[in-house]
C-alpha atoms as a PDB file:
ATOM      1  CA  MET A   1      -8.304  21.858   6.443  1.00  0.00           C
ATOM      2  CA  LEU A   2      -7.355  20.522   9.566  1.00  0.00           C
ATOM      3  CA  HIS A   3      -7.553  21.776  13.133  1.00  0.00           C
ATOM      4  CA  VAL A   4      -4.798  20.053  15.578  1.00  0.00           C
ATOM      5  CA  VAL A   5      -3.852  20.833  18.927  1.00  0.00           C
ATOM      6  CA  ALA A   6      -0.165  20.074  19.651  1.00  0.00           C
ATOM      7  CA  ASN A   7       1.608  19.534  23.026  1.00  0.00           C
ATOM      8  CA  CYS A   8       5.495  20.148  23.282  1.00  0.00           C
ATOM      9  CA  SER A   9       6.953  17.394  25.732  1.00  0.00           C
ATOM     10  CA  ALA A  10      10.087  19.506  26.292  1.00  0.00           C
ATOM     11  CA  CYS A  11       8.556  22.647  27.614  1.00  0.00           C
ATOM     12  CA  ALA A  12       4.854  21.410  27.892  1.00  0.00           C
ATOM     13  CA  GLU A  13       3.715  24.240  25.835  1.00  0.00           C
ATOM     14  CA  SER A  14       0.090  23.640  24.294  1.00  0.00           C
ATOM     15  CA  PHE A  15      -0.902  25.179  20.534  1.00  0.00           C
ATOM     16  CA  ASP A  16      -3.089  25.249  17.922  1.00  0.00           C
ATOM     17  CA  VAL A  17      -1.784  24.129  14.466  1.00  0.00           C
ATOM     18  CA  LEU A  18      -4.166  24.733  11.480  1.00  0.00           C
ATOM     19  CA  PHE A  19      -3.614  22.381   8.381  1.00  0.00           C
ATOM     20  CA  VAL A  20      -4.310  24.078   5.119  1.00  0.00           C
ATOM     21  CA  SER A  21      -1.615  21.587   3.101  1.00  0.00           C
ATOM     22  CA  PRO A  22       0.998  19.459   4.679  1.00  0.00           C
ATOM     23  CA  PRO A  23       3.777  21.253   6.545  1.00  0.00           C
ATOM     24  CA  ARG A  24       7.266  19.594   6.416  1.00  0.00           C
ATOM     25  CA  THR A  25       7.561  20.374  10.088  1.00  0.00           C
ATOM     26  CA  ILE A  26       6.033  21.474  13.342  1.00  0.00           C
ATOM     27  CA  SER A  27       7.811  23.403  16.005  1.00  0.00           C
ATOM     28  CA  CYS A  28       6.969  24.400  19.506  1.00  0.00           C
ATOM     29  CA  PRO A  29       5.844  28.611  19.255  1.00  0.00           C
ATOM     30  CA  LYS A  30       7.600  28.761  23.136  1.00  0.00           C
ATOM     31  CA  CYS A  31      11.017  26.581  22.611  1.00  0.00           C
ATOM     32  CA  GLU A  32      11.207  26.051  19.201  1.00  0.00           C
ATOM     33  CA  ARG A  33      11.629  22.469  19.619  1.00  0.00           C
ATOM     34  CA  GLN A  34      10.845  20.339  16.481  1.00  0.00           C
ATOM     35  CA  ILE A  35       7.993  18.220  17.216  1.00  0.00           C
ATOM     36  CA  VAL A  36       6.745  16.291  13.812  1.00  0.00           C
ATOM     37  CA  SER A  37       8.753  16.389  11.137  1.00  0.00           C
ATOM     38  CA  VAL A  38       6.051  15.009   7.821  1.00  0.00           C
ATOM     39  CA  GLU A  39       7.859  13.378   5.150  1.00  0.00           C
ATOM     40  CA  GLU A  40       6.312  13.048   1.909  1.00  0.00           C
ATOM     41  CA  ARG A  41       6.188   9.740  -0.056  1.00  0.00           C
ATOM     42  CA  ASP A  42       5.439   8.740  -3.239  1.00  0.00           C
ATOM     43  CA  GLY A  43       4.928   4.940  -3.105  1.00  0.00           C
ATOM     44  CA  GLY A  44       2.312   2.498  -4.473  1.00  0.00           C
ATOM     45  CA  PHE A  45       1.628  -1.178  -5.350  1.00  0.00           C
ATOM     46  CA  VAL A  46       3.283  -4.052  -6.976  1.00  0.00           C
ATOM     47  CA  TYR A  47       0.293  -6.354  -7.247  1.00  0.00           C
ATOM     48  CA  VAL A  48      -0.467 -10.407  -8.305  1.00  0.00           C
ATOM     49  CA  LEU A  49      -3.049 -11.115 -10.089  1.00  0.00           C
ATOM     50  CA  SER A  50      -4.920 -14.361 -11.701  1.00  0.00           C
ATOM     51  CA  ASN A  51      -7.939 -14.638 -14.271  1.00  0.00           C
ATOM     52  CA  PRO A  52      -9.800 -17.834 -14.217  1.00  0.00           C
ATOM     53  CA  ALA A  53      -9.975 -17.166 -18.055  1.00  0.00           C
ATOM     54  CA  MET A  54      -6.272 -17.501 -18.298  1.00  0.00           C
ATOM     55  CA  PRO A  55      -5.831 -20.244 -15.594  1.00  0.00           C
ATOM     56  CA  GLU A  56      -1.938 -21.103 -16.107  1.00  0.00           C
ATOM     57  CA  LEU A  57      -0.967 -17.311 -15.959  1.00  0.00           C
ATOM     58  CA  VAL A  58      -0.590 -14.832 -13.514  1.00  0.00           C
ATOM     59  CA  LYS A  59       0.036 -11.186 -14.145  1.00  0.00           C
ATOM     60  CA  ILE A  60       2.505  -8.913 -11.493  1.00  0.00           C
ATOM     61  CA  GLY A  61       2.085  -5.417 -12.464  1.00  0.00           C
ATOM     62  CA  MET A  62       2.451  -2.084 -10.232  1.00  0.00           C
ATOM     63  CA  THR A  63       0.350   0.724  -9.784  1.00  0.00           C
ATOM     64  CA  ARG A  64       0.797   4.151  -7.775  1.00  0.00           C
ATOM     65  CA  ARG A  65      -2.922   4.313  -7.773  1.00  0.00           C
ATOM     66  CA  PRO A  66      -5.610   2.359  -5.529  1.00  0.00           C
ATOM     67  CA  ILE A  67      -5.467  -1.603  -6.760  1.00  0.00           C
ATOM     68  CA  GLU A  68      -9.454  -0.898  -6.882  1.00  0.00           C
ATOM     69  CA  GLU A  69      -8.873   1.379  -9.588  1.00  0.00           C
ATOM     70  CA  ARG A  70      -6.109  -0.703 -11.422  1.00  0.00           C
ATOM     71  CA  LEU A  71      -8.333  -3.722 -11.127  1.00  0.00           C
ATOM     72  CA  SER A  72     -11.483  -1.788 -12.901  1.00  0.00           C
ATOM     73  CA  GLU A  73      -9.186  -0.246 -15.386  1.00  0.00           C
ATOM     74  CA  LEU A  74      -7.718  -4.029 -16.535  1.00  0.00           C
ATOM     75  CA  ALA A  75     -11.480  -5.026 -16.049  1.00  0.00           C
ATOM     76  CA  ALA A  76     -12.330  -2.426 -18.974  1.00  0.00           C
ATOM     77  CA  ALA A  77      -9.997  -3.399 -21.689  1.00  0.00           C
ATOM     78  CA  THR A  78     -12.058  -5.520 -24.490  1.00  0.00           C
ATOM     79  CA  GLY A  79      -9.415  -7.918 -24.523  1.00  0.00           C
ATOM     80  CA  VAL A  80     -10.059  -9.671 -21.176  1.00  0.00           C
ATOM     81  CA  PRO A  81     -12.845 -11.450 -20.930  1.00  0.00           C
ATOM     82  CA  ILE A  82     -13.235 -11.931 -17.150  1.00  0.00           C
ATOM     83  CA  ARG A  83     -12.317  -9.308 -14.210  1.00  0.00           C
ATOM     84  CA  PHE A  84      -9.062 -10.368 -12.918  1.00  0.00           C
ATOM     85  CA  GLU A  85      -8.569 -11.285  -9.052  1.00  0.00           C
ATOM     86  CA  LEU A  86      -6.475 -10.335  -6.421  1.00  0.00           C
ATOM     87  CA  GLU A  87      -4.267 -12.646  -5.239  1.00  0.00           C
ATOM     88  CA  ALA A  88      -1.372 -10.743  -3.237  1.00  0.00           C
ATOM     89  CA  CYS A  89      -0.416  -7.213  -3.154  1.00  0.00           C
ATOM     90  CA  PHE A  90       2.632  -5.321  -1.347  1.00  0.00           C
ATOM     91  CA  LEU A  91       3.485  -1.906  -0.349  1.00  0.00           C
ATOM     92  CA  THR A  92       5.885  -0.215  -1.507  1.00  0.00           C
ATOM     93  CA  ASP A  93       8.085   2.852  -1.885  1.00  0.00           C
ATOM     94  CA  ALA A  94       9.667   2.247  -4.988  1.00  0.00           C
ATOM     95  CA  PRO A  95       7.044   0.269  -7.361  1.00  0.00           C
ATOM     96  CA  GLU A  96       9.184   0.460 -10.483  1.00  0.00           C
ATOM     97  CA  VAL A  97      12.010  -1.275  -8.955  1.00  0.00           C
ATOM     98  CA  ASP A  98      10.114  -3.605  -7.015  1.00  0.00           C
ATOM     99  CA  GLU A  99       8.050  -4.585  -9.750  1.00  0.00           C
ATOM    100  CA  ALA A 100      10.930  -5.445 -11.883  1.00  0.00           C
ATOM    101  CA  ALA A 101      12.708  -7.292  -9.210  1.00  0.00           C
ATOM    102  CA  ALA A 102       9.911  -9.425  -9.083  1.00  0.00           C
ATOM    103  CA  HIS A 103       9.603  -9.778 -12.900  1.00  0.00           C
ATOM    104  CA  ALA A 104      13.457 -10.533 -12.724  1.00  0.00           C
ATOM    105  CA  ALA A 105      13.035 -13.541 -10.164  1.00  0.00           C
ATOM    106  CA  LEU A 106      10.647 -15.274 -12.038  1.00  0.00           C
ATOM    107  CA  ALA A 107      12.353 -14.691 -15.838  1.00  0.00           C
ATOM    108  CA  ALA A 108      12.460 -18.019 -16.749  1.00  0.00           C
ATOM    109  CA  CYS A 109       8.567 -18.297 -16.673  1.00  0.00           C
ATOM    110  CA  ARG A 110       7.820 -14.627 -17.805  1.00  0.00           C
ATOM    111  CA  LEU A 111       5.971 -14.928 -21.344  1.00  0.00           C
ATOM    112  CA  GLU A 112       8.356 -11.885 -23.632  1.00  0.00           C
ATOM    113  CA  GLY A 113       7.340  -8.736 -23.817  1.00  0.00           C
ATOM    114  CA  ARG A 114       4.386  -9.114 -21.124  1.00  0.00           C
ATOM    115  CA  GLU A 115       3.753  -8.906 -17.350  1.00  0.00           C
ATOM    116  CA  PHE A 116       2.514 -12.585 -17.274  1.00  0.00           C
ATOM    117  CA  PHE A 117       3.924 -15.434 -15.888  1.00  0.00           C
ATOM    118  CA  LYS A 118       2.967 -19.236 -16.603  1.00  0.00           C
ATOM    119  CA  CYS A 119       3.300 -20.499 -12.643  1.00  0.00           C
ATOM    120  CA  THR A 120       1.167 -21.137 -10.027  1.00  0.00           C
ATOM    121  CA  VAL A 121      -0.465 -18.176  -7.871  1.00  0.00           C
ATOM    122  CA  GLU A 122       1.439 -19.775  -4.834  1.00  0.00           C
ATOM    123  CA  MET A 123       4.279 -19.843  -6.693  1.00  0.00           C
ATOM    124  CA  ALA A 124       4.465 -16.285  -7.838  1.00  0.00           C
ATOM    125  CA  VAL A 125       3.046 -14.637  -4.442  1.00  0.00           C
ATOM    126  CA  THR A 126       6.075 -17.046  -2.477  1.00  0.00           C
ATOM    127  CA  THR A 127       8.890 -15.362  -4.900  1.00  0.00           C
ATOM    128  CA  VAL A 128       7.676 -11.968  -5.159  1.00  0.00           C
ATOM    129  CA  THR A 129       7.568 -12.247  -0.595  1.00  0.00           C
ATOM    130  CA  ALA A 130      11.046 -13.365  -1.050  1.00  0.00           C
ATOM    131  CA  THR A 131      12.368 -10.898  -3.950  1.00  0.00           C
ATOM    132  CA  LEU A 132      10.832  -7.881  -1.703  1.00  0.00           C
ATOM    133  CA  LYS A 133      11.920  -9.248   1.614  1.00  0.00           C
ATOM    134  CA  ARG A 134       7.998  -8.702   3.253  1.00  0.00           C
ATOM    135  CA  SER A 135       5.141 -10.003   3.472  1.00  0.00           C
ATOM    136  CA  PRO A 136       2.364  -9.133   1.344  1.00  0.00           C
ATOM    137  CA  LEU A 137      -0.204  -6.248   2.238  1.00  0.00           C
ATOM    138  CA  TYR A 138      -3.145  -8.796   1.322  1.00  0.00           C
ATOM    139  CA  SER A 139      -2.528 -12.072   0.242  1.00  0.00           C
ATOM    140  CA  ARG A 140      -5.356 -15.009  -0.856  1.00  0.00           C
ATOM    141  CA  PHE A 141      -2.484 -17.475   1.115  1.00  0.00           C
ATOM    142  CA  GLU A 142      -2.814 -15.366   4.070  1.00  0.00           C
ATOM    143  CA  THR A 143      -2.338 -18.316   7.176  1.00  0.00           C
ATOM    144  CA  GLN A 144      -0.986 -14.890   9.659  1.00  0.00           C
ATOM    145  CA  PRO A 145      -1.997 -11.681  10.420  1.00  0.00           C
ATOM    146  CA  PRO A 146      -1.338  -9.051   7.135  1.00  0.00           C
ATOM    147  CA  ALA A 147       1.950  -7.376   7.415  1.00  0.00           C
ATOM    148  CA  LYS A 148       1.962  -3.312   8.649  1.00  0.00           C
ATOM    149  CA  MET A 149       0.518  -0.822   6.234  1.00  0.00           C
ATOM    150  CA  ARG A 150       0.566   2.706   6.099  1.00  0.00           C
ATOM    151  CA  CYS A 151      -2.191   5.127   6.153  1.00  0.00           C
ATOM    152  CA  ALA A 152      -2.360   7.048   3.447  1.00  0.00           C
ATOM    153  CA  GLU A 153      -4.067  10.150   5.229  1.00  0.00           C
ATOM    154  CA  CYS A 154      -0.814  10.651   7.645  1.00  0.00           C
ATOM    155  CA  TRP A 155       1.502   7.832   6.679  1.00  0.00           C
ATOM    156  CA  THR A 156       1.605   6.219   9.980  1.00  0.00           C
ATOM    157  CA  PRO A 157       2.516   2.751  10.225  1.00  0.00           C
ATOM    158  CA  GLN A 158      -0.546   0.425  11.104  1.00  0.00           C
ATOM    159  CA  GLU A 159      -1.030  -3.040  12.187  1.00  0.00           C
ATOM    160  CA  PRO A 160      -4.566  -4.318  10.796  1.00  0.00           C
ATOM    161  CA  PRO A 161      -6.150  -6.011  13.217  1.00  0.00           C
ATOM    162  CA  TRP A 162      -6.413  -9.805  11.865  1.00  0.00           C
ATOM    163  CA  GLY A 163      -9.147 -10.532   9.260  1.00  0.00           C
ATOM    164  CA  ALA A 164     -10.335  -6.623   9.327  1.00  0.00           C
ATOM    165  CA  LYS A 165     -11.857  -5.648   5.764  1.00  0.00           C
ATOM    166  CA  GLN A 166     -11.534  -1.786   7.676  1.00  0.00           C
ATOM    167  CA  PHE A 167     -10.778  -0.097  11.002  1.00  0.00           C
ATOM    168  CA  GLU A 168      -9.359   3.180  12.607  1.00  0.00           C
ATOM    169  CA  CYS A 169      -5.984   4.835  12.290  1.00  0.00           C
ATOM    170  CA  LYS A 170      -4.497   4.927  15.443  1.00  0.00           C
ATOM    171  CA  VAL A 171      -3.333   8.551  14.855  1.00  0.00           C
ATOM    172  CA  CYS A 172      -5.516  10.275  12.432  1.00  0.00           C
ATOM    173  CA  HIS A 173      -8.606   8.317  13.509  1.00  0.00           C
ATOM    174  CA  SER A 174      -9.467   8.305   9.876  1.00  0.00           C
ATOM    175  CA  ILE A 175     -10.995   4.933   8.467  1.00  0.00           C
ATOM    176  CA  ILE A 176      -8.363   3.059   6.261  1.00  0.00           C
ATOM    177  CA  ASP A 177      -9.131   0.125   4.578  1.00  0.00           C
ATOM    178  CA  ARG A 178      -6.386  -2.876   4.836  1.00  0.00           C
ATOM    179  CA  TYR A 179      -4.367  -1.094   2.189  1.00  0.00           C
ATOM    180  CA  GLY A 180      -4.308   2.173   3.392  1.00  0.00           C
ATOM    181  CA  LYS A 181      -6.797   4.187   1.265  1.00  0.00           C
ATOM    182  CA  VAL A 182      -8.995   6.322   3.012  1.00  0.00           C
ATOM    183  CA  LEU A 183     -12.309   5.842   3.410  1.00  0.00           C
ATOM    184  CA  VAL A 184     -13.581   8.390   5.856  1.00  0.00           C
ATOM    185  CA  ARG A 185     -11.414  11.372   6.398  1.00  0.00           C
ATOM    186  CA  ARG A 186     -11.813  12.580  10.461  1.00  0.00           C
END
């Protein structure tokens, strides 16, 4: 449950809003002007992974869950001798579509029927970046500040401070990591 004091810029009315579940819209009770419109997003990530036990292969996949959960899931598999390393991840509203586009762009390098590609990590990250037409949310090859991301709590676009592993959302004030995952709700 979240209690918010809202102010209407049209009529200067101040009123309380109690969130039990996310509303679609919030309107001023005095002038009925819509103040906030909430849009639910069902996004995820496209990721690029490497594994020291497979030095010439890169795994490109997608998840709708936090990246850490997916990495733990892959590490639990008995057929993987060493944990995968995250090389890059991209925030997306359509993870299946973007994953398919990334796979198509690297089709010449793909191992048949698998999400593995015989190429360098740098080539994979560069190709996925160009294909998705956006910078990665995280990349080991970062030479510039990370791209904008969204807070998972309020879905507001954020620009993480350069090098920060966690920071405060400017809107909901939750503490979030550089992937947008909420660490502390406020």
